[in-house]
Structures are given as C-alpha cells and as structure tokens.
Amino acid sequence: MKRRLGSIFLLYLLLLALFTTLIIVVHLIPRSAIEPQLIKSVKIFTEEGDYPYKNSPFGPVVVDNYTDCYMHNVAYCADAAHPVDAAMRNYRYRDDAEMVVSTNHLITGNTTCEPFEYGKYWHGYQVFLRPLLTVMDYGKIRLLNGIVLAILLITALILMARRLSIGIALCFIVAMAVVHSVVIPWSLQFSTCYYLMLVSVIALLGFPWLSASWHRLLLCFFAIGAATAYFDFLTTPVMTLGVPLTVMVLKDDKLCHWRSLLALCAIWLLGYGLMWASKWLMAYLLVGYNPLEEVNESVQLHSVGRGTKPVWAYWLKTLGLFMDRWSPLSGQGLVRWGIVAILAIPALVFPKGRLALNRYAALLLIAMLTPLWYFVVAHHSYTHFFITSRALLVCWFASLCFLYKNTDFNKLKSHVFNK
C-alpha cells in the first residue's frame, strides 16, 4: 500500500510540474504572433454565430461556437511579458456585448472595461491552441481537428477489433453515432474529452504493459483523471472514465468485481479533483491569486444553480430532455429504440446464461456513471445539455457491450440456419 501511495504521489508531482511548465511556456508566445490568425477566426465566429447547427445522420446538431470564441478570447488576453501571471490568472474579456462582439472589441482595442481573471480552470487546451494560432485560423484548426480525431478513432477501433472483438468495435461505432459524435470536429470544446478518451483507449489496448499489473492500472487511471482536469472545460469528463473502464472490464476478467470498479473510479476521481485543486494552489503560490471565491460560486451554480428552484427540479428537467429524445413519436427516438431492440431481443431469446450475466453485470454499473454525473452536477447538466448529452456515450457503449456479451450467437446462428 505504501509503495502504491508513494508511486501515485510521485506521478502527481511529475504531472503537476509538467502541466505547470507547459501552461507557462505557451504563454511566452507574444500576442502579435497569434493576432492575424485570431482576426480571421473571429470573422468565422461572426459569420456562423454563437450556436450554429451542423448536420449529422440523426439531424441538425448545435455546435458551441460561443465557448470556442471564449477560448480564443483567453488566448488573446494573455500578456507574454508576464507569462506566469497570465498562465495562472487566465484573463478573459467580456463587456456588455455578445462574446464574438466583445472579442472583436478586444482585438481592435475598443474596450470599455478591464480583462478579469478566469483562473478556476487550468485551461490546458491553450497548450495546443496558442501554438496553432501562430500558423492557422479557426477554420484550418477545425480541419486539422477532424483529421487527428479520425486517425485516433480508426486506431481505437482497430485495437478494439483485435484485442476484444469486432462486435465490441461495432458497439462503439453505434454509441459514437447515437450521441452525434460526427459534429465533434467542428467544436474545439467538444473535442477535448474525445481526445482524452480515445488516447486512453489506444494506450490501454495498444500497450499491454500499462495494465499488466493492478499497480500500473491505478497509475493509468490517476493520470487520465488528472489530464481531464487539466485540458477539459467541464464538458463530458465522465467519458474519460467510463469508456476506458468498459474496455478494461472487457479485456480483463479480474476487473469485473465491483470493488475493482470502485477503486478505479476513486483513483480517477482523485486525479481529477487533486489536479484541479492544484491549479488554485499554484495560482496562489506563484502569483498570489486566490480563485476560491470564484470556485465556490461555480460549485453552487453547476450543482444547484443560483435560482430558487430546488435541485430535484433540475433532475426532473433533465429527465424530461431524455424523454423527448426517446419518444417513439420522433425519428431519433425510433432509431434509438430500434438499436436497443436489435441487441436486446437476441440477448433475451438466446442468452448465454447466468455465468455470462454475472460476468458482465459490471458493465451495467459503468453505464450508471452518466446518470450519477447528471445527478451530482444537476444545474450544469441541464442548462448545457447540448454539451453534456454526449456523456451518454458511456451509458450507450457499456449497455450495448453488456447486451452483446450476453447473446449466444452460436444459438442464434443455429436457429436462423435451421429455419
């Protein structure tokens, strides 16, 4: 136990040193180096608007240009003459106008107030965004984003097919499609957790030595949680836990026990919470900035909101959004029920038996991670449902894998051919 705790603490220190160094280094890039590309990017935001719709196989899907513009806004506000201060305080600018207009005011110098701190997040996405803005605008970044995500997805699917089964890879494709993942390349904010999730799956399946022992697996999930807190903007963090966890349960029988699942969830949560809180500590130690008041307001807002509605009201509202999406009166609802029926009916008619049912029951526990996240972060999950709905990838993937693994395809084939 002491060895494990010592290794986790050492990994934490290494990641903290690496993440802090990276965020400071990218803030050495002068504003003049990113300004030409940022001006072009703002034009794209102006043309498309804050929340444009993009097409997907299941119909139009909203894209969050607002937050992507915010990310560009934070990138431009940084003062390279004071990189440590900029990296820890993460200044942003917003006046009485809309975000795109405010960002345009910032670039043109037509400001009416001073930038203010946004240091409750690490803003680790700046490690990639600021260097990219020196050579390309938002449109080209989107194109690059799509190419890289496609490569990662194809790699992950190949590894799933080889290490697990083709059926599991197909379950993942279906789960990705149902949560409208096709529009992810259009949004930098949406992409973060997809990157972390896909890279985690590739690492765990492609490098078996990472999960060769329980000790190493704990370190892996701690690192995944810490990286999620660093790079993500509070979008769908549970995705980076649930999908790798599903993959490991399918890969290793030893992980099917509920104690193993709880341990991996706990170590991920430790990495996630500890690394996030470390930003507040580093901000205070390096520049004397204390974001705890902002953090306290954020916790209250994202959990229960600032209004007069009780927390259960947001649970009911979120449940209502689910009911709308699953209504058989809508095309999307019919597709979702059809997908479930395709796997659920064979699993009920041609089950593998109690042994398989017990073996893969852990997948149902993993599927509950998404509802649990919605339960805890009630207000945020409802008000940003067009973002947080993609956390359902965990629920879909784990549930589909459970049905697939509990279907006796030999009996099914025999029945079909005999007929």
Protein backbone atom coordinates (compact mmCIF):
# COMPACT_ATOMS: atom_id res chain seq x y z
CA MET A 1 0.00 0.00 0.00
CA LYS A 2 2.81 2.44 0.90
CA ARG A 3 4.50 1.69 -2.41
CA ARG A 4 1.31 2.39 -4.34
CA LEU A 5 0.63 5.62 -2.49
CA GLY A 6 4.24 6.68 -3.00
CA SER A 7 4.05 5.98 -6.74
CA ILE A 8 0.77 7.88 -7.08
CA PHE A 9 2.18 10.85 -5.18
CA LEU A 10 5.32 10.83 -7.36
CA LEU A 11 3.20 10.67 -10.52
CA TYR A 12 1.11 13.56 -9.21
CA LEU A 13 4.21 15.70 -8.65
CA LEU A 14 5.57 14.87 -12.11
CA LEU A 15 2.26 15.71 -13.79
CA LEU A 16 1.87 18.90 -11.78
CA ALA A 17 5.39 20.03 -12.73
CA LEU A 18 4.80 19.12 -16.40
CA PHE A 19 1.39 20.78 -16.64
CA THR A 20 2.54 23.94 -14.88
CA THR A 21 5.60 24.22 -17.10
CA LEU A 22 3.62 23.67 -20.30
CA ILE A 23 0.97 26.28 -19.49
CA ILE A 24 3.64 28.86 -18.64
CA VAL A 25 5.75 28.11 -21.73
CA VAL A 26 2.87 28.58 -24.20
CA HIS A 27 2.13 31.95 -22.60
CA LEU A 28 5.55 33.12 -23.76
CA ILE A 29 4.10 33.33 -27.28
CA PRO A 30 3.57 37.03 -27.99
CA ARG A 31 0.15 38.37 -28.80
CA SER A 32 1.41 39.66 -32.14
CA ALA A 33 2.15 36.09 -33.28
CA ILE A 34 -1.47 34.95 -32.93
CA GLU A 35 -3.29 38.19 -33.76
CA PRO A 36 -3.53 37.77 -37.59
CA GLN A 37 -4.97 34.27 -37.29
CA LEU A 38 -7.26 35.26 -34.44
CA ILE A 39 -8.73 38.11 -36.50
CA LYS A 40 -9.62 35.58 -39.23
CA SER A 41 -11.07 33.27 -36.59
CA VAL A 42 -13.34 35.99 -35.21
CA LYS A 43 -14.69 36.54 -38.72
CA ILE A 44 -15.73 32.88 -38.81
CA PHE A 45 -17.44 33.21 -35.43
CA THR A 46 -19.22 36.35 -36.65
CA GLU A 47 -20.47 34.63 -39.81
CA GLU A 48 -21.67 31.46 -38.07
CA GLY A 49 -22.98 32.90 -34.81
CA ASP A 50 -22.69 31.60 -31.26
CA TYR A 51 -24.61 28.35 -31.70
CA PRO A 52 -24.78 27.25 -35.35
CA TYR A 53 -26.25 23.93 -36.44
CA LYS A 54 -24.28 21.24 -38.26
CA ASN A 55 -25.72 18.20 -39.99
CA SER A 56 -25.45 14.70 -38.55
CA PRO A 57 -27.03 11.34 -39.50
CA PHE A 58 -29.66 11.99 -36.82
CA GLY A 59 -30.46 15.53 -37.93
CA PRO A 60 -29.07 19.03 -37.22
CA VAL A 61 -26.95 19.37 -34.08
CA VAL A 62 -25.96 22.58 -32.32
CA VAL A 63 -22.26 23.47 -32.07
CA ASP A 64 -20.82 25.61 -29.29
CA ASN A 65 -19.03 28.44 -31.10
CA TYR A 66 -19.61 30.61 -28.05
CA THR A 67 -17.17 28.69 -25.86
CA ASP A 68 -14.67 28.24 -28.70
CA CYS A 69 -14.68 32.01 -29.13
CA TYR A 70 -14.17 32.31 -25.37
CA MET A 71 -11.11 30.07 -25.69
CA HIS A 72 -9.70 32.38 -28.36
CA ASN A 73 -10.54 35.34 -26.15
CA VAL A 74 -8.49 33.87 -23.28
CA ALA A 75 -5.61 33.15 -25.69
CA TYR A 76 -5.51 36.77 -26.83
CA CYS A 77 -5.78 38.30 -23.35
CA ALA A 78 -2.52 36.67 -22.21
CA ASP A 79 0.43 39.03 -21.78
CA ALA A 80 3.66 37.32 -22.88
CA ALA A 81 5.66 39.85 -20.85
CA HIS A 82 4.23 38.23 -17.71
CA PRO A 83 3.77 34.57 -18.68
CA VAL A 84 3.45 33.17 -15.15
CA ASP A 85 0.78 35.68 -14.20
CA ALA A 86 -1.06 35.09 -17.50
CA ALA A 87 -0.88 31.31 -17.12
CA MET A 88 -2.23 31.35 -13.57
CA ARG A 89 -4.87 34.06 -13.80
CA ASN A 90 -6.10 33.24 -17.33
CA TYR A 91 -7.54 36.64 -18.15
CA ARG A 92 -10.65 36.96 -20.29
CA TYR A 93 -12.54 39.95 -21.64
CA ARG A 94 -16.28 40.48 -21.81
CA ASP A 95 -18.22 43.74 -22.00
CA ASP A 96 -21.94 44.36 -22.43
CA ALA A 97 -21.92 42.90 -25.95
CA GLU A 98 -22.09 39.26 -27.09
CA MET A 99 -18.97 37.13 -26.85
CA VAL A 100 -17.97 37.45 -30.51
CA VAL A 101 -18.51 41.21 -30.44
CA SER A 102 -16.62 41.52 -27.14
CA THR A 103 -13.70 39.56 -28.58
CA ASN A 104 -13.68 41.81 -31.64
CA HIS A 105 -13.63 44.85 -29.31
CA LEU A 106 -10.66 43.28 -27.53
CA ILE A 107 -8.68 42.80 -30.75
CA THR A 108 -9.44 46.28 -32.08
CA GLY A 109 -8.71 47.95 -28.72
CA ASN A 110 -12.28 49.23 -28.45
CA THR A 111 -12.62 48.01 -24.86
CA THR A 112 -14.86 49.52 -22.20
CA CYS A 113 -13.53 47.61 -19.19
CA GLU A 114 -10.51 45.65 -18.00
CA PRO A 115 -9.99 41.90 -18.56
CA PHE A 116 -10.72 39.82 -15.48
CA GLU A 117 -9.46 36.51 -14.11
CA TYR A 118 -10.79 33.11 -15.14
CA GLY A 119 -8.35 31.05 -13.12
CA LYS A 120 -10.63 28.37 -11.73
CA TYR A 121 -9.66 26.17 -14.70
CA TRP A 122 -6.19 25.10 -15.84
CA HIS A 123 -7.10 26.00 -19.44
CA GLY A 124 -4.76 23.25 -20.61
CA TYR A 125 -6.26 23.46 -24.11
CA GLN A 126 -4.12 26.60 -24.51
CA VAL A 127 -1.08 24.30 -24.72
CA PHE A 128 -2.30 23.41 -28.22
CA LEU A 129 -4.48 26.38 -29.17
CA ARG A 130 -1.91 29.16 -28.76
CA PRO A 131 0.82 27.45 -30.85
CA LEU A 132 -1.73 26.52 -33.53
CA LEU A 133 -2.97 30.12 -33.74
CA THR A 134 0.52 31.20 -34.78
CA VAL A 135 0.13 29.32 -38.09
CA MET A 136 -3.57 28.76 -38.77
CA ASP A 137 -7.01 30.22 -38.11
CA TYR A 138 -10.08 28.56 -36.60
CA GLY A 139 -11.22 27.12 -39.93
CA LYS A 140 -7.92 25.30 -40.52
CA ILE A 141 -7.78 24.21 -36.88
CA ARG A 142 -11.19 22.60 -37.34
CA LEU A 143 -9.90 20.73 -40.39
CA LEU A 144 -6.83 19.53 -38.51
CA ASN A 145 -9.04 18.59 -35.58
CA GLY A 146 -11.17 16.37 -37.80
CA ILE A 147 -8.16 14.63 -39.33
CA VAL A 148 -6.49 13.88 -35.99
CA LEU A 149 -9.74 12.69 -34.38
CA ALA A 150 -10.42 10.41 -37.36
CA ILE A 151 -6.95 8.86 -37.07
CA LEU A 152 -7.40 8.29 -33.34
CA LEU A 153 -10.89 6.81 -33.82
CA ILE A 154 -9.74 4.41 -36.55
CA THR A 155 -6.77 3.35 -34.42
CA ALA A 156 -9.01 2.75 -31.40
CA LEU A 157 -11.48 0.71 -33.47
CA ILE A 158 -8.70 -1.46 -34.93
CA LEU A 159 -7.35 -2.16 -31.45
CA MET A 160 -10.84 -2.94 -30.14
CA ALA A 161 -11.43 -5.37 -33.00
CA ARG A 162 -8.08 -7.09 -32.44
CA ARG A 163 -7.88 -7.11 -28.64
CA LEU A 164 -11.59 -7.51 -27.85
CA SER A 165 -13.83 -8.34 -30.83
CA ILE A 166 -15.29 -6.87 -33.98
CA GLY A 167 -18.66 -6.80 -32.22
CA ILE A 168 -17.32 -4.54 -29.47
CA ALA A 169 -15.86 -2.21 -32.09
CA LEU A 170 -19.28 -2.06 -33.76
CA CYS A 171 -20.92 -1.29 -30.41
CA PHE A 172 -18.52 1.63 -30.02
CA ILE A 173 -19.32 2.94 -33.52
CA VAL A 174 -23.06 2.81 -32.75
CA ALA A 175 -22.58 4.56 -29.40
CA MET A 176 -20.49 7.28 -31.04
CA ALA A 177 -23.10 7.80 -33.75
CA VAL A 178 -26.08 7.98 -31.39
CA VAL A 179 -24.53 10.86 -29.38
CA HIS A 180 -23.88 12.84 -32.58
CA SER A 181 -20.09 12.47 -32.47
CA VAL A 182 -19.87 13.30 -36.17
CA VAL A 183 -20.07 17.03 -35.34
CA ILE A 184 -17.27 16.91 -32.75
CA PRO A 185 -14.51 18.18 -35.12
CA TRP A 186 -16.48 21.40 -35.57
CA SER A 187 -16.02 22.32 -31.92
CA LEU A 188 -12.74 22.51 -30.02
CA GLN A 189 -14.55 22.44 -26.70
CA PHE A 190 -16.47 19.29 -27.60
CA SER A 191 -13.26 17.58 -28.77
CA THR A 192 -11.21 17.65 -25.57
CA CYS A 193 -12.72 14.67 -23.78
CA TYR A 194 -12.92 12.72 -27.04
CA TYR A 195 -9.17 13.13 -27.41
CA LEU A 196 -8.51 12.05 -23.84
CA MET A 197 -10.90 9.10 -24.11
CA LEU A 198 -9.53 7.84 -27.45
CA VAL A 199 -5.89 8.26 -26.42
CA SER A 200 -6.63 6.39 -23.17
CA VAL A 201 -8.27 3.51 -25.02
CA ILE A 202 -5.39 3.33 -27.51
CA ALA A 203 -2.81 3.36 -24.72
CA LEU A 204 -4.55 0.67 -22.65
CA LEU A 205 -5.16 -1.66 -25.61
CA GLY A 206 -2.03 -0.86 -27.61
CA PHE A 207 0.47 -1.05 -24.75
CA PRO A 208 -0.45 -4.06 -22.60
CA TRP A 209 2.37 -3.34 -20.14
CA LEU A 210 0.42 -0.31 -18.89
CA SER A 211 -2.24 -2.62 -17.44
CA ALA A 212 -0.03 -5.63 -16.76
CA SER A 213 -0.45 -5.13 -13.02
CA TRP A 214 -3.03 -3.59 -10.71
CA HIS A 215 -0.47 -1.04 -9.58
CA ARG A 216 0.16 0.23 -13.12
CA LEU A 217 -3.54 0.32 -13.91
CA LEU A 218 -4.16 2.54 -10.89
CA LEU A 219 -1.46 4.92 -12.10
CA CYS A 220 -3.03 4.98 -15.57
CA PHE A 221 -6.48 5.95 -14.30
CA PHE A 222 -4.99 8.54 -11.96
CA ALA A 223 -3.18 10.09 -14.93
CA ILE A 224 -6.34 10.03 -17.06
CA GLY A 225 -8.30 11.84 -14.34
CA ALA A 226 -5.54 14.41 -13.84
CA ALA A 227 -5.24 15.07 -17.60
CA THR A 228 -9.01 15.51 -17.83
CA ALA A 229 -8.97 18.20 -15.13
CA TYR A 230 -6.09 19.94 -16.92
CA PHE A 231 -7.36 20.00 -20.50
CA ASP A 232 -11.16 19.90 -20.19
CA PHE A 233 -13.53 22.84 -19.83
CA LEU A 234 -16.09 20.85 -17.76
CA THR A 235 -17.81 19.28 -20.76
CA THR A 236 -18.09 15.48 -20.53
CA PRO A 237 -15.32 14.37 -18.14
CA VAL A 238 -17.09 11.13 -17.17
CA MET A 239 -16.43 9.95 -20.74
CA THR A 240 -12.71 9.67 -20.00
CA LEU A 241 -13.51 7.36 -17.08
CA GLY A 242 -16.40 5.25 -18.37
CA VAL A 243 -15.12 4.26 -21.81
CA PRO A 244 -11.61 3.15 -20.71
CA LEU A 245 -13.21 1.38 -17.75
CA THR A 246 -15.56 -0.52 -20.08
CA VAL A 247 -12.63 -1.51 -22.28
CA MET A 248 -10.66 -2.83 -19.31
CA VAL A 249 -13.61 -4.84 -17.96
CA LEU A 250 -13.98 -6.48 -21.37
CA LYS A 251 -10.26 -7.14 -21.53
CA ASP A 252 -9.60 -8.46 -18.03
CA ASP A 253 -11.94 -10.76 -16.08
CA LYS A 254 -10.35 -9.71 -12.81
CA LEU A 255 -11.82 -6.23 -13.12
CA CYS A 256 -15.44 -7.37 -13.13
CA HIS A 257 -15.69 -7.23 -9.35
CA TRP A 258 -17.44 -4.15 -8.00
CA ARG A 259 -14.52 -3.43 -5.68
CA SER A 260 -12.15 -3.12 -8.63
CA LEU A 261 -14.55 -0.78 -10.40
CA LEU A 262 -14.93 1.41 -7.34
CA ALA A 263 -11.15 1.52 -6.85
CA LEU A 264 -10.53 2.65 -10.44
CA CYS A 265 -13.34 5.21 -10.22
CA ALA A 266 -11.91 6.51 -6.94
CA ILE A 267 -8.36 6.82 -8.29
CA TRP A 268 -9.65 8.62 -11.41
CA LEU A 269 -11.64 10.99 -9.19
CA LEU A 270 -8.58 11.54 -7.01
CA GLY A 271 -6.50 12.50 -10.03
CA TYR A 272 -9.30 14.70 -11.37
CA GLY A 273 -10.03 16.53 -8.12
CA LEU A 274 -6.43 16.81 -6.94
CA MET A 275 -5.13 18.21 -10.22
CA TRP A 276 -7.99 20.70 -10.48
CA ALA A 277 -7.43 21.92 -6.90
CA SER A 278 -3.70 22.12 -7.61
CA LYS A 279 -4.37 24.93 -10.09
CA TRP A 280 -5.77 27.04 -7.28
CA LEU A 281 -2.77 26.23 -5.12
CA MET A 282 -0.24 27.00 -7.88
CA ALA A 283 -2.02 30.26 -8.72
CA TYR A 284 -1.73 31.35 -5.10
CA LEU A 285 1.89 30.26 -4.67
CA LEU A 286 3.20 31.67 -7.97
CA VAL A 287 1.27 34.93 -8.36
CA GLY A 288 -0.71 35.38 -5.13
CA TYR A 289 -4.05 34.88 -6.90
CA ASN A 290 -6.80 33.16 -4.89
CA PRO A 291 -9.68 31.90 -7.10
CA LEU A 292 -11.53 30.13 -4.27
CA GLU A 293 -14.37 32.66 -4.20
CA GLU A 294 -14.90 32.13 -7.92
CA VAL A 295 -14.66 28.37 -7.38
CA ASN A 296 -17.27 28.46 -4.60
CA GLU A 297 -19.69 30.37 -6.82
CA SER A 298 -19.06 27.93 -9.66
CA VAL A 299 -19.70 24.86 -7.49
CA GLN A 300 -23.00 26.31 -6.30
CA LEU A 301 -24.01 27.28 -9.83
CA HIS A 302 -23.15 23.99 -11.51
CA SER A 303 -24.68 21.79 -8.81
CA VAL A 304 -27.94 23.53 -7.83
CA GLY A 305 -27.91 26.83 -9.70
CA ARG A 306 -28.40 30.35 -8.42
CA GLY A 307 -32.16 30.43 -8.83
CA THR A 308 -34.93 29.49 -6.46
CA LYS A 309 -35.54 26.05 -7.95
CA PRO A 310 -34.56 23.05 -5.80
CA VAL A 311 -32.01 20.61 -7.13
CA TRP A 312 -34.63 17.95 -7.82
CA ALA A 313 -36.31 20.33 -10.26
CA TYR A 314 -33.21 20.19 -12.46
CA TRP A 315 -33.20 16.39 -12.22
CA LEU A 316 -36.76 16.35 -13.50
CA LYS A 317 -35.94 18.81 -16.28
CA THR A 318 -33.01 16.68 -17.41
CA LEU A 319 -35.20 13.59 -17.31
CA GLY A 320 -37.70 15.45 -19.48
CA LEU A 321 -35.00 16.08 -22.07
CA PHE A 322 -34.25 12.35 -22.11
CA MET A 323 -37.93 11.52 -22.58
CA ASP A 324 -38.11 13.86 -25.57
CA ARG A 325 -35.11 12.17 -27.20
CA TRP A 326 -36.55 8.71 -26.60
CA SER A 327 -40.10 9.49 -27.70
CA PRO A 328 -41.24 6.94 -30.31
CA LEU A 329 -43.07 9.81 -31.99
CA SER A 330 -39.74 11.29 -33.10
CA GLY A 331 -37.36 9.92 -35.70
CA GLN A 332 -34.44 9.95 -33.27
CA GLY A 333 -36.48 8.10 -30.67
CA LEU A 334 -37.43 5.36 -33.14
CA VAL A 335 -33.80 4.91 -34.15
CA ARG A 336 -32.70 4.63 -30.52
CA TRP A 337 -35.40 2.07 -29.67
CA GLY A 338 -34.53 0.17 -32.83
CA ILE A 339 -30.86 -0.04 -31.88
CA VAL A 340 -31.73 -1.33 -28.42
CA ALA A 341 -34.16 -3.89 -29.86
CA ILE A 342 -31.57 -5.24 -32.32
CA LEU A 343 -29.34 -6.34 -29.44
CA ALA A 344 -31.82 -6.67 -26.57
CA ILE A 345 -34.14 -9.17 -28.28
CA PRO A 346 -31.37 -11.66 -29.22
CA ALA A 347 -29.91 -11.30 -25.71
CA LEU A 348 -33.30 -12.22 -24.20
CA VAL A 349 -34.16 -15.00 -26.66
CA PHE A 350 -30.68 -16.53 -26.94
CA PRO A 351 -28.92 -15.71 -23.66
CA LYS A 352 -25.55 -17.17 -22.74
CA GLY A 353 -26.74 -17.94 -19.23
CA ARG A 354 -26.23 -16.88 -15.65
CA LEU A 355 -22.43 -17.14 -15.77
CA ALA A 356 -22.14 -14.54 -18.55
CA LEU A 357 -24.82 -12.41 -16.89
CA ASN A 358 -22.84 -12.27 -13.65
CA ARG A 359 -19.57 -11.83 -15.51
CA TYR A 360 -20.67 -8.74 -17.41
CA ALA A 361 -23.01 -7.17 -14.84
CA ALA A 362 -20.16 -4.76 -14.13
CA LEU A 363 -20.92 -3.09 -17.45
CA LEU A 364 -24.32 -2.03 -16.13
CA LEU A 365 -22.62 -0.36 -13.18
CA ILE A 366 -20.38 1.55 -15.59
CA ALA A 367 -23.45 2.59 -17.61
CA MET A 368 -24.79 4.26 -14.44
CA LEU A 369 -21.83 6.66 -14.28
CA THR A 370 -23.54 9.08 -16.65
CA PRO A 371 -26.81 9.34 -14.66
CA LEU A 372 -24.72 9.68 -11.50
CA TRP A 373 -22.81 12.59 -13.05
CA TYR A 374 -26.08 14.25 -14.04
CA PHE A 375 -27.36 13.71 -10.51
CA VAL A 376 -24.34 15.43 -8.90
CA VAL A 377 -23.85 18.26 -11.41
CA ALA A 378 -27.57 18.88 -11.82
CA HIS A 379 -27.77 22.50 -12.94
CA HIS A 380 -24.84 22.32 -15.34
CA SER A 381 -26.09 19.06 -16.88
CA TYR A 382 -29.48 20.58 -17.64
CA THR A 383 -28.52 24.08 -18.77
CA HIS A 384 -25.73 22.77 -21.03
CA PHE A 385 -27.46 19.59 -22.15
CA PHE A 386 -26.45 20.17 -25.77
CA ILE A 387 -22.89 19.67 -24.48
CA THR A 388 -23.34 17.26 -21.56
CA SER A 389 -25.63 14.89 -23.51
CA ARG A 390 -22.52 13.37 -25.09
CA ALA A 391 -21.63 11.88 -21.73
CA LEU A 392 -24.30 9.34 -22.68
CA LEU A 393 -21.59 7.72 -24.79
CA VAL A 394 -20.58 5.87 -21.61
CA CYS A 395 -24.12 4.65 -20.98
CA TRP A 396 -24.64 3.56 -24.58
CA PHE A 397 -21.27 1.84 -25.01
CA ALA A 398 -21.38 -0.07 -21.73
CA SER A 399 -25.04 -1.10 -22.21
CA LEU A 400 -24.56 -2.24 -25.80
CA CYS A 401 -21.48 -4.24 -24.80
CA PHE A 402 -23.50 -5.87 -22.00
CA LEU A 403 -26.22 -6.97 -24.43
CA TYR A 404 -23.65 -8.13 -26.99
CA LYS A 405 -21.69 -10.17 -24.46
CA ASN A 406 -24.85 -11.82 -23.13
CA THR A 407 -26.05 -13.00 -26.54
CA ASP A 408 -25.23 -16.58 -27.58
CA PHE A 409 -24.56 -16.04 -31.28
CA ASN A 410 -23.98 -19.76 -31.86
CA LYS A 411 -27.56 -20.47 -30.77
CA LEU A 412 -28.76 -17.56 -32.87
CA LYS A 413 -26.95 -18.82 -35.97
CA SER A 414 -28.19 -22.35 -35.42
CA HIS A 415 -31.77 -21.13 -35.08
CA VAL A 416 -31.55 -18.98 -38.22
CA PHE A 417 -29.98 -21.69 -40.39
CA ASN A 418 -32.30 -24.42 -39.12
CA LYS A 419 -35.23 -22.34 -40.17
